[in-house]
Amino acid sequence: DIPVRLVPPLAQALAISVEEVLGVSQSMTRKRGPKSQLEKQLAAIAELPRAQQQRILTVVQALIAQAQSAS
C-alpha cells in the first residue's frame, strides 16, 4: 500500500490523476494486459519503508522537473 500522503506527488510524477493512482478511474477498471515495467517498479517501491519511498520520490520529481525544463 502507498501511504496516502504520497498519492498526490506520485500522481504528479506519473502525470496521471489521483483517481488513477487509487485505481478508481474508469481507465483502470477495464481489462489490461501484463503489468508494465513501471507498474512493477512502483509496486516494489510501495513495499519499501516510508523513508526510502520518500527518497525515491524526491529523485523522480527532480528528474521530471529537469526533463520539463529542458523541453
PDB file of N, CA and C in Angstrom:
ATOM      1  N   ASP A   1       0.834  -1.191   0.000  1.00  0.00           N
ATOM      2  CA  ASP A   1       0.000   0.000   0.000  1.00  0.00           C
ATOM      3  C   ASP A   1       0.874   1.248   0.000  1.00  0.00           C
ATOM      4  N   ILE A   2       0.425   2.245  -0.718  1.00  0.00           N
ATOM      5  CA  ILE A   2       1.128   3.519  -0.790  1.00  0.00           C
ATOM      6  C   ILE A   2       0.587   4.425   0.314  1.00  0.00           C
ATOM      7  N   PRO A   3       1.450   5.054   1.095  1.00  0.00           N
ATOM      8  CA  PRO A   3       0.961   5.991   2.105  1.00  0.00           C
ATOM      9  C   PRO A   3       0.141   7.105   1.435  1.00  0.00           C
ATOM     10  N   VAL A   4      -0.948   7.483   2.055  1.00  0.00           N
ATOM     11  CA  VAL A   4      -1.870   8.468   1.489  1.00  0.00           C
ATOM     12  C   VAL A   4      -1.160   9.776   1.152  1.00  0.00           C
ATOM     13  N   ARG A   5      -0.218  10.195   1.968  1.00  0.00           N
ATOM     14  CA  ARG A   5       0.441  11.477   1.728  1.00  0.00           C
ATOM     15  C   ARG A   5       1.294  11.459   0.462  1.00  0.00           C
ATOM     16  N   LEU A   6       1.632  10.265  -0.039  1.00  0.00           N
ATOM     17  CA  LEU A   6       2.450  10.167  -1.243  1.00  0.00           C
ATOM     18  C   LEU A   6       1.626  10.077  -2.526  1.00  0.00           C
ATOM     19  N   VAL A   7       0.309   9.907  -2.398  1.00  0.00           N
ATOM     20  CA  VAL A   7      -0.520   9.739  -3.590  1.00  0.00           C
ATOM     21  C   VAL A   7      -0.489  10.962  -4.503  1.00  0.00           C
ATOM     22  N   PRO A   8      -0.732  12.191  -4.001  1.00  0.00           N
ATOM     23  CA  PRO A   8      -0.700  13.343  -4.922  1.00  0.00           C
ATOM     24  C   PRO A   8       0.650  13.552  -5.609  1.00  0.00           C
ATOM     25  N   PRO A   9       1.789  13.511  -4.884  1.00  0.00           N
ATOM     26  CA  PRO A   9       3.044  13.691  -5.612  1.00  0.00           C
ATOM     27  C   PRO A   9       3.339  12.549  -6.582  1.00  0.00           C
ATOM     28  N   LEU A  10       2.911  11.338  -6.239  1.00  0.00           N
ATOM     29  CA  LEU A  10       3.112  10.217  -7.139  1.00  0.00           C
ATOM     30  C   LEU A  10       2.293  10.413  -8.406  1.00  0.00           C
ATOM     31  N   ALA A  11       1.051  10.848  -8.249  1.00  0.00           N
ATOM     32  CA  ALA A  11       0.206  11.111  -9.418  1.00  0.00           C
ATOM     33  C   ALA A  11       0.836  12.184 -10.300  1.00  0.00           C
ATOM     34  N   GLN A  12       1.359  13.219  -9.674  1.00  0.00           N
ATOM     35  CA  GLN A  12       2.007  14.287 -10.432  1.00  0.00           C
ATOM     36  C   GLN A  12       3.254  13.768 -11.145  1.00  0.00           C
ATOM     37  N   ALA A  13       4.041  12.964 -10.457  1.00  0.00           N
ATOM     38  CA  ALA A  13       5.266  12.436 -11.047  1.00  0.00           C
ATOM     39  C   ALA A  13       4.974  11.529 -12.241  1.00  0.00           C
ATOM     40  N   LEU A  14       3.866  10.817 -12.180  1.00  0.00           N
ATOM     41  CA  LEU A  14       3.494   9.903 -13.262  1.00  0.00           C
ATOM     42  C   LEU A  14       2.608  10.561 -14.317  1.00  0.00           C
ATOM     43  N   ALA A  15       2.244  11.818 -14.074  1.00  0.00           N
ATOM     44  CA  ALA A  15       1.368  12.567 -14.979  1.00  0.00           C
ATOM     45  C   ALA A  15       0.024  11.857 -15.173  1.00  0.00           C
ATOM     46  N   ILE A  16      -0.525  11.367 -14.056  1.00  0.00           N
ATOM     47  CA  ILE A  16      -1.853  10.756 -14.071  1.00  0.00           C
ATOM     48  C   ILE A  16      -2.665  11.352 -12.930  1.00  0.00           C
ATOM     49  N   SER A  17      -3.941  11.068 -12.914  1.00  0.00           N
ATOM     50  CA  SER A  17      -4.798  11.615 -11.870  1.00  0.00           C
ATOM     51  C   SER A  17      -4.647  10.825 -10.572  1.00  0.00           C
ATOM     52  N   VAL A  18      -5.025  11.461  -9.481  1.00  0.00           N
ATOM     53  CA  VAL A  18      -5.022  10.789  -8.175  1.00  0.00           C
ATOM     54  C   VAL A  18      -5.954   9.586  -8.237  1.00  0.00           C
ATOM     55  N   GLU A  19      -7.066   9.728  -8.948  1.00  0.00           N
ATOM     56  CA  GLU A  19      -8.015   8.629  -9.077  1.00  0.00           C
ATOM     57  C   GLU A  19      -7.368   7.412  -9.739  1.00  0.00           C
ATOM     58  N   GLU A  20      -6.531   7.665 -10.750  1.00  0.00           N
ATOM     59  CA  GLU A  20      -5.851   6.558 -11.410  1.00  0.00           C
ATOM     60  C   GLU A  20      -4.861   5.882 -10.472  1.00  0.00           C
ATOM     61  N   VAL A  21      -4.156   6.672  -9.656  1.00  0.00           N
ATOM     62  CA  VAL A  21      -3.238   6.091  -8.675  1.00  0.00           C
ATOM     63  C   VAL A  21      -4.013   5.199  -7.710  1.00  0.00           C
ATOM     64  N   LEU A  22      -5.191   5.655  -7.311  1.00  0.00           N
ATOM     65  CA  LEU A  22      -6.005   4.899  -6.362  1.00  0.00           C
ATOM     66  C   LEU A  22      -6.768   3.758  -7.021  1.00  0.00           C
ATOM     67  N   GLY A  23      -6.774   3.742  -8.355  1.00  0.00           N
ATOM     68  CA  GLY A  23      -7.450   2.667  -9.070  1.00  0.00           C
ATOM     69  C   GLY A  23      -8.944   2.820  -9.170  1.00  0.00           C
ATOM     70  N   VAL A  24      -9.446   4.057  -9.103  1.00  0.00           N
ATOM     71  CA  VAL A  24     -10.891   4.248  -9.167  1.00  0.00           C
ATOM     72  C   VAL A  24     -11.368   4.872 -10.470  1.00  0.00           C
ATOM     73  N   SER A  25     -10.465   5.177 -11.388  1.00  0.00           N
ATOM     74  CA  SER A  25     -10.905   5.760 -12.647  1.00  0.00           C
ATOM     75  C   SER A  25     -11.377   4.672 -13.589  1.00  0.00           C
ATOM     76  N   GLN A  26     -12.166   5.056 -14.537  1.00  0.00           N
ATOM     77  CA  GLN A  26     -12.714   4.114 -15.498  1.00  0.00           C
ATOM     78  C   GLN A  26     -11.605   3.441 -16.302  1.00  0.00           C
ATOM     79  N   SER A  27     -10.547   4.183 -16.622  1.00  0.00           N
ATOM     80  CA  SER A  27      -9.475   3.611 -17.419  1.00  0.00           C
ATOM     81  C   SER A  27      -8.762   2.474 -16.685  1.00  0.00           C
ATOM     82  N   MET A  28      -8.814   2.475 -15.372  1.00  0.00           N
ATOM     83  CA  MET A  28      -8.143   1.435 -14.605  1.00  0.00           C
ATOM     84  C   MET A  28      -9.038   0.209 -14.390  1.00  0.00           C
ATOM     85  N   THR A  29     -10.332   0.307 -14.702  1.00  0.00           N
ATOM     86  CA  THR A  29     -11.237  -0.798 -14.428  1.00  0.00           C
ATOM     87  C   THR A  29     -11.384  -1.748 -15.605  1.00  0.00           C
ATOM     88  N   ARG A  30     -10.936  -1.342 -16.786  1.00  0.00           N
ATOM     89  CA  ARG A  30     -11.059  -2.247 -17.932  1.00  0.00           C
ATOM     90  C   ARG A  30      -9.950  -3.294 -17.883  1.00  0.00           C
ATOM     91  N   LYS A  31     -10.172  -4.377 -18.602  1.00  0.00           N
ATOM     92  CA  LYS A  31      -9.206  -5.462 -18.617  1.00  0.00           C
ATOM     93  C   LYS A  31      -7.903  -4.997 -19.258  1.00  0.00           C
ATOM     94  N   ARG A  32      -6.793  -5.378 -18.643  1.00  0.00           N
ATOM     95  CA  ARG A  32      -5.491  -4.936 -19.130  1.00  0.00           C
ATOM     96  C   ARG A  32      -4.598  -6.134 -19.368  1.00  0.00           C
ATOM     97  N   GLY A  33      -3.531  -5.866 -20.078  1.00  0.00           N
ATOM     98  CA  GLY A  33      -2.516  -6.886 -20.309  1.00  0.00           C
ATOM     99  C   GLY A  33      -1.600  -6.988 -19.104  1.00  0.00           C
ATOM    100  N   PRO A  34      -0.439  -7.580 -19.318  1.00  0.00           N
ATOM    101  CA  PRO A  34       0.516  -7.710 -18.207  1.00  0.00           C
ATOM    102  C   PRO A  34       0.978  -6.349 -17.711  1.00  0.00           C
ATOM    103  N   LYS A  35       1.417  -6.324 -16.470  1.00  0.00           N
ATOM    104  CA  LYS A  35       1.899  -5.075 -15.880  1.00  0.00           C
ATOM    105  C   LYS A  35       3.134  -4.583 -16.617  1.00  0.00           C
ATOM    106  N   SER A  36       3.196  -3.271 -16.780  1.00  0.00           N
ATOM    107  CA  SER A  36       4.372  -2.674 -17.402  1.00  0.00           C
ATOM    108  C   SER A  36       5.534  -2.703 -16.409  1.00  0.00           C
ATOM    109  N   GLN A  37       6.724  -2.442 -16.924  1.00  0.00           N
ATOM    110  CA  GLN A  37       7.900  -2.398 -16.057  1.00  0.00           C
ATOM    111  C   GLN A  37       7.731  -1.301 -15.009  1.00  0.00           C
ATOM    112  N   LEU A  38       7.149  -0.170 -15.411  1.00  0.00           N
ATOM    113  CA  LEU A  38       6.932   0.924 -14.467  1.00  0.00           C
ATOM    114  C   LEU A  38       5.993   0.485 -13.347  1.00  0.00           C
ATOM    115  N   GLU A  39       4.914  -0.195 -13.689  1.00  0.00           N
ATOM    116  CA  GLU A  39       3.970  -0.661 -12.666  1.00  0.00           C
ATOM    117  C   GLU A  39       4.638  -1.641 -11.708  1.00  0.00           C
ATOM    118  N   LYS A  40       5.481  -2.511 -12.234  1.00  0.00           N
ATOM    119  CA  LYS A  40       6.188  -3.464 -11.372  1.00  0.00           C
ATOM    120  C   LYS A  40       7.124  -2.727 -10.420  1.00  0.00           C
ATOM    121  N   GLN A  41       7.822  -1.723 -10.936  1.00  0.00           N
ATOM    122  CA  GLN A  41       8.743  -0.965 -10.096  1.00  0.00           C
ATOM    123  C   GLN A  41       7.978  -0.178  -9.030  1.00  0.00           C
ATOM    124  N   LEU A  42       6.839   0.403  -9.395  1.00  0.00           N
ATOM    125  CA  LEU A  42       6.035   1.138  -8.416  1.00  0.00           C
ATOM    126  C   LEU A  42       5.536   0.211  -7.310  1.00  0.00           C
ATOM    127  N   ALA A  43       5.154  -0.993  -7.684  1.00  0.00           N
ATOM    128  CA  ALA A  43       4.711  -1.961  -6.680  1.00  0.00           C
ATOM    129  C   ALA A  43       5.868  -2.297  -5.732  1.00  0.00           C
ATOM    130  N   ALA A  44       7.073  -2.452  -6.282  1.00  0.00           N
ATOM    131  CA  ALA A  44       8.238  -2.738  -5.445  1.00  0.00           C
ATOM    132  C   ALA A  44       8.541  -1.566  -4.524  1.00  0.00           C
ATOM    133  N   ILE A  45       8.418  -0.344  -5.045  1.00  0.00           N
ATOM    134  CA  ILE A  45       8.651   0.853  -4.232  1.00  0.00           C
ATOM    135  C   ILE A  45       7.633   0.935  -3.101  1.00  0.00           C
ATOM    136  N   ALA A  46       6.397   0.578  -3.402  1.00  0.00           N
ATOM    137  CA  ALA A  46       5.340   0.633  -2.385  1.00  0.00           C
ATOM    138  C   ALA A  46       5.633  -0.293  -1.211  1.00  0.00           C
ATOM    139  N   GLU A  47       6.438  -1.308  -1.430  1.00  0.00           N
ATOM    140  CA  GLU A  47       6.782  -2.249  -0.367  1.00  0.00           C
ATOM    141  C   GLU A  47       7.935  -1.758   0.508  1.00  0.00           C
ATOM    142  N   LEU A  48       8.643  -0.733   0.075  1.00  0.00           N
ATOM    143  CA  LEU A  48       9.788  -0.218   0.826  1.00  0.00           C
ATOM    144  C   LEU A  48       9.329   0.596   2.032  1.00  0.00           C
ATOM    145  N   PRO A  49      10.208   0.782   2.996  1.00  0.00           N
ATOM    146  CA  PRO A  49       9.884   1.663   4.123  1.00  0.00           C
ATOM    147  C   PRO A  49       9.615   3.089   3.637  1.00  0.00           C
ATOM    148  N   ARG A  50       8.815   3.804   4.373  1.00  0.00           N
ATOM    149  CA  ARG A  50       8.377   5.153   4.003  1.00  0.00           C
ATOM    150  C   ARG A  50       9.555   6.085   3.694  1.00  0.00           C
ATOM    151  N   ALA A  51      10.599   6.028   4.479  1.00  0.00           N
ATOM    152  CA  ALA A  51      11.750   6.919   4.271  1.00  0.00           C
ATOM    153  C   ALA A  51      12.401   6.651   2.916  1.00  0.00           C
ATOM    154  N   GLN A  52      12.525   5.394   2.539  1.00  0.00           N
ATOM    155  CA  GLN A  52      13.096   5.070   1.234  1.00  0.00           C
ATOM    156  C   GLN A  52      12.166   5.495   0.109  1.00  0.00           C
ATOM    157  N   GLN A  53      10.862   5.340   0.301  1.00  0.00           N
ATOM    158  CA  GLN A  53       9.893   5.793  -0.704  1.00  0.00           C
ATOM    159  C   GLN A  53      10.046   7.294  -0.940  1.00  0.00           C
ATOM    160  N   GLN A  54      10.214   8.042   0.136  1.00  0.00           N
ATOM    161  CA  GLN A  54      10.332   9.490   0.020  1.00  0.00           C
ATOM    162  C   GLN A  54      11.601   9.876  -0.732  1.00  0.00           C
ATOM    163  N   ARG A  55      12.702   9.182  -0.472  1.00  0.00           N
ATOM    164  CA  ARG A  55      13.951   9.469  -1.196  1.00  0.00           C
ATOM    165  C   ARG A  55      13.794   9.189  -2.685  1.00  0.00           C
ATOM    166  N   ILE A  56      13.146   8.084  -3.018  1.00  0.00           N
ATOM    167  CA  ILE A  56      12.916   7.747  -4.428  1.00  0.00           C
ATOM    168  C   ILE A  56      12.021   8.792  -5.077  1.00  0.00           C
ATOM    169  N   LEU A  57      10.982   9.196  -4.391  1.00  0.00           N
ATOM    170  CA  LEU A  57      10.064  10.195  -4.925  1.00  0.00           C
ATOM    171  C   LEU A  57      10.776  11.518  -5.167  1.00  0.00           C
ATOM    172  N   THR A  58      11.676  11.896  -4.282  1.00  0.00           N
ATOM    173  CA  THR A  58      12.452  13.126  -4.450  1.00  0.00           C
ATOM    174  C   THR A  58      13.286  13.062  -5.725  1.00  0.00           C
ATOM    175  N   VAL A  59      13.914  11.923  -5.957  1.00  0.00           N
ATOM    176  CA  VAL A  59      14.732  11.756  -7.170  1.00  0.00           C
ATOM    177  C   VAL A  59      13.849  11.805  -8.410  1.00  0.00           C
ATOM    178  N   VAL A  60      12.731  11.113  -8.386  1.00  0.00           N
ATOM    179  CA  VAL A  60      11.822  11.091  -9.538  1.00  0.00           C
ATOM    180  C   VAL A  60      11.311  12.497  -9.839  1.00  0.00           C
ATOM    181  N   GLN A  61      10.917  13.225  -8.813  1.00  0.00           N
ATOM    182  CA  GLN A  61      10.421  14.592  -9.018  1.00  0.00           C
ATOM    183  C   GLN A  61      11.505  15.479  -9.618  1.00  0.00           C
ATOM    184  N   ALA A  62      12.739  15.324  -9.157  1.00  0.00           N
ATOM    185  CA  ALA A  62      13.843  16.123  -9.700  1.00  0.00           C
ATOM    186  C   ALA A  62      14.082  15.791 -11.169  1.00  0.00           C
ATOM    187  N   LEU A  63      14.022  14.518 -11.523  1.00  0.00           N
ATOM    188  CA  LEU A  63      14.209  14.117 -12.917  1.00  0.00           C
ATOM    189  C   LEU A  63      13.099  14.658 -13.814  1.00  0.00           C
ATOM    190  N   ILE A  64      11.876  14.620 -13.325  1.00  0.00           N
ATOM    191  CA  ILE A  64      10.753  15.144 -14.104  1.00  0.00           C
ATOM    192  C   ILE A  64      10.897  16.653 -14.283  1.00  0.00           C
ATOM    193  N   ALA A  65      11.232  17.353 -13.220  1.00  0.00           N
ATOM    194  CA  ALA A  65      11.410  18.803 -13.303  1.00  0.00           C
ATOM    195  C   ALA A  65      12.519  19.148 -14.306  1.00  0.00           C
ATOM    196  N   GLN A  66      13.603  18.396 -14.273  1.00  0.00           N
ATOM    197  CA  GLN A  66      14.710  18.623 -15.200  1.00  0.00           C
ATOM    198  C   GLN A  66      14.264  18.375 -16.635  1.00  0.00           C
ATOM    199  N   ALA A  67      13.518  17.315 -16.865  1.00  0.00           N
ATOM    200  CA  ALA A  67      13.044  16.998 -18.213  1.00  0.00           C
ATOM    201  C   ALA A  67      12.079  18.065 -18.715  1.00  0.00           C
ATOM    202  N   GLN A  68      11.224  18.563 -17.831  1.00  0.00           N
ATOM    203  CA  GLN A  68      10.247  19.583 -18.229  1.00  0.00           C
ATOM    204  C   GLN A  68      10.934  20.902 -18.536  1.00  0.00           C
ATOM    205  N   SER A  69      11.988  21.234 -17.803  1.00  0.00           N
ATOM    206  CA  SER A  69      12.674  22.494 -18.058  1.00  0.00           C
ATOM    207  C   SER A  69      13.517  22.415 -19.330  1.00  0.00           C
ATOM    208  N   ALA A  70      13.904  21.207 -19.729  1.00  0.00           N
ATOM    209  CA  ALA A  70      14.679  21.031 -20.960  1.00  0.00           C
ATOM    210  C   ALA A  70      13.792  21.078 -22.189  1.00  0.00           C
ATOM    211  N   SER A  71      12.497  20.890 -22.004  1.00  0.00           N
ATOM    212  CA  SER A  71      11.559  20.866 -23.145  1.00  0.00           C
ATOM    213  C   SER A  71      11.241  22.248 -23.642  1.00  0.00           C
TER     214      SER A  71
END
